């Protein structure tokens, strides 16, 4: 779910399409590397039996891995709507309270 938040807060006014995290001009290689590293660590800690005993974790069924995806998409969509309102009405109340 934090991935949706991460992509949404990269810029306070520009859409994710305008502030494309994958092009050379706006890209942050550490951002994408961090996302991949966090996923690898999460899978390793929850799926590797030896590591499970160290951290006291258990195998997580695949359906539980997929639950945060629509929530992350919801965070991203809501913030994109906020950014659209800020761009449309730059002096409006939403623009004044937006970080």
Protein backbone atom coordinates (compact mmCIF):
# COMPACT_ATOMS: atom_id res chain seq x y z
CA UNK A 1 0.00 0.00 0.00
CA UNK A 2 2.92 2.32 0.62
CA UNK A 3 3.86 2.02 -3.05
CA UNK A 4 0.68 3.91 -4.00
CA UNK A 5 1.54 6.55 -1.43
CA UNK A 6 5.14 6.70 -2.61
CA UNK A 7 4.19 7.33 -6.24
CA UNK A 8 1.47 9.82 -5.30
CA UNK A 9 3.65 12.08 -3.14
CA UNK A 10 6.53 12.45 -5.56
CA UNK A 11 5.13 15.80 -6.66
CA UNK A 12 2.48 17.95 -5.01
CA UNK A 13 0.84 19.29 -8.19
CA UNK A 14 1.94 17.25 -11.19
CA UNK A 15 0.14 14.04 -12.09
CA UNK A 16 2.04 10.75 -11.98
CA UNK A 17 1.88 10.83 -15.78
CA UNK A 18 3.49 14.28 -15.85
CA UNK A 19 6.09 13.40 -13.19
CA UNK A 20 6.83 10.04 -14.80
CA UNK A 21 9.12 8.08 -12.45
CA UNK A 22 10.47 5.95 -15.31
CA UNK A 23 11.91 8.55 -17.71
CA UNK A 24 15.50 9.72 -17.41
CA UNK A 25 14.59 13.33 -16.52
CA UNK A 26 12.42 12.58 -13.46
CA UNK A 27 13.67 9.11 -12.57
CA UNK A 28 15.01 8.22 -9.16
CA UNK A 29 16.83 4.88 -9.52
CA UNK A 30 16.91 4.40 -5.75
CA UNK A 31 13.12 4.62 -5.61
CA UNK A 32 12.54 1.67 -7.92
CA UNK A 33 15.43 -0.25 -6.37
CA UNK A 34 13.95 0.32 -2.91
CA UNK A 35 10.55 -0.97 -4.04
CA UNK A 36 12.10 -4.14 -5.44
CA UNK A 37 14.32 -4.61 -2.38
CA UNK A 38 11.38 -4.23 0.04
CA UNK A 39 9.37 -6.81 -1.90
CA UNK A 40 12.29 -9.26 -1.96
CA UNK A 41 12.85 -8.84 1.78
CA UNK A 42 9.14 -9.28 2.57
CA UNK A 43 8.93 -12.45 0.47
CA UNK A 44 12.17 -13.82 1.90
CA UNK A 45 11.17 -13.22 5.53
CA UNK A 46 7.72 -14.77 5.09
CA UNK A 47 8.55 -17.67 2.78
CA UNK A 48 11.96 -18.99 3.84
CA UNK A 49 11.50 -21.55 6.67
CA UNK A 50 14.83 -20.83 8.39
CA UNK A 51 14.22 -17.10 8.39
CA UNK A 52 10.62 -17.62 9.54
CA UNK A 53 11.86 -19.15 12.79
CA UNK A 54 14.22 -16.22 13.41
CA UNK A 55 11.58 -13.54 12.82
CA UNK A 56 8.60 -15.54 14.11
CA UNK A 57 6.73 -15.26 10.81
CA UNK A 58 4.64 -17.73 8.84
CA UNK A 59 3.88 -18.29 5.18
CA UNK A 60 1.38 -15.75 3.87
CA UNK A 61 -1.23 -17.00 1.38
CA UNK A 62 -1.18 -15.24 -2.01
CA UNK A 63 -4.63 -13.71 -1.52
CA UNK A 64 -3.30 -11.73 1.45
CA UNK A 65 -0.45 -10.38 -0.66
CA UNK A 66 -3.03 -9.03 -3.15
CA UNK A 67 -5.30 -7.24 -0.62
CA UNK A 68 -3.20 -4.03 -0.44
CA UNK A 69 -3.09 -3.58 -4.23
CA UNK A 70 -6.60 -2.06 -4.62
CA UNK A 71 -5.98 0.02 -1.50
CA UNK A 72 -2.74 1.37 -2.98
CA UNK A 73 -4.57 2.11 -6.22
CA UNK A 74 -7.24 3.93 -4.20
CA UNK A 75 -4.60 6.10 -2.48
CA UNK A 76 -3.05 6.90 -5.85
CA UNK A 77 -6.40 7.74 -7.50
CA UNK A 78 -7.54 9.95 -4.60
CA UNK A 79 -4.28 11.88 -4.65
CA UNK A 80 -4.45 12.26 -8.43
CA UNK A 81 -7.95 13.74 -8.01
CA UNK A 82 -6.57 16.14 -5.39
CA UNK A 83 -3.78 17.17 -7.74
CA UNK A 84 -6.30 17.71 -10.54
CA UNK A 85 -8.34 19.98 -8.26
CA UNK A 86 -5.18 21.90 -7.29
CA UNK A 87 -4.22 22.38 -10.94
CA UNK A 88 -7.76 23.34 -11.94
CA UNK A 89 -8.36 25.77 -9.07
CA UNK A 90 -4.88 26.93 -7.93
CA UNK A 91 -6.30 29.48 -5.50
CA UNK A 92 -9.11 27.24 -4.24
CA UNK A 93 -9.49 25.77 -0.75
CA UNK A 94 -8.02 22.40 -1.72
CA UNK A 95 -4.90 24.08 -3.08
CA UNK A 96 -4.53 26.07 0.15
CA UNK A 97 -4.70 23.03 2.40
CA UNK A 98 -2.67 20.73 0.13
CA UNK A 99 0.79 20.09 1.47
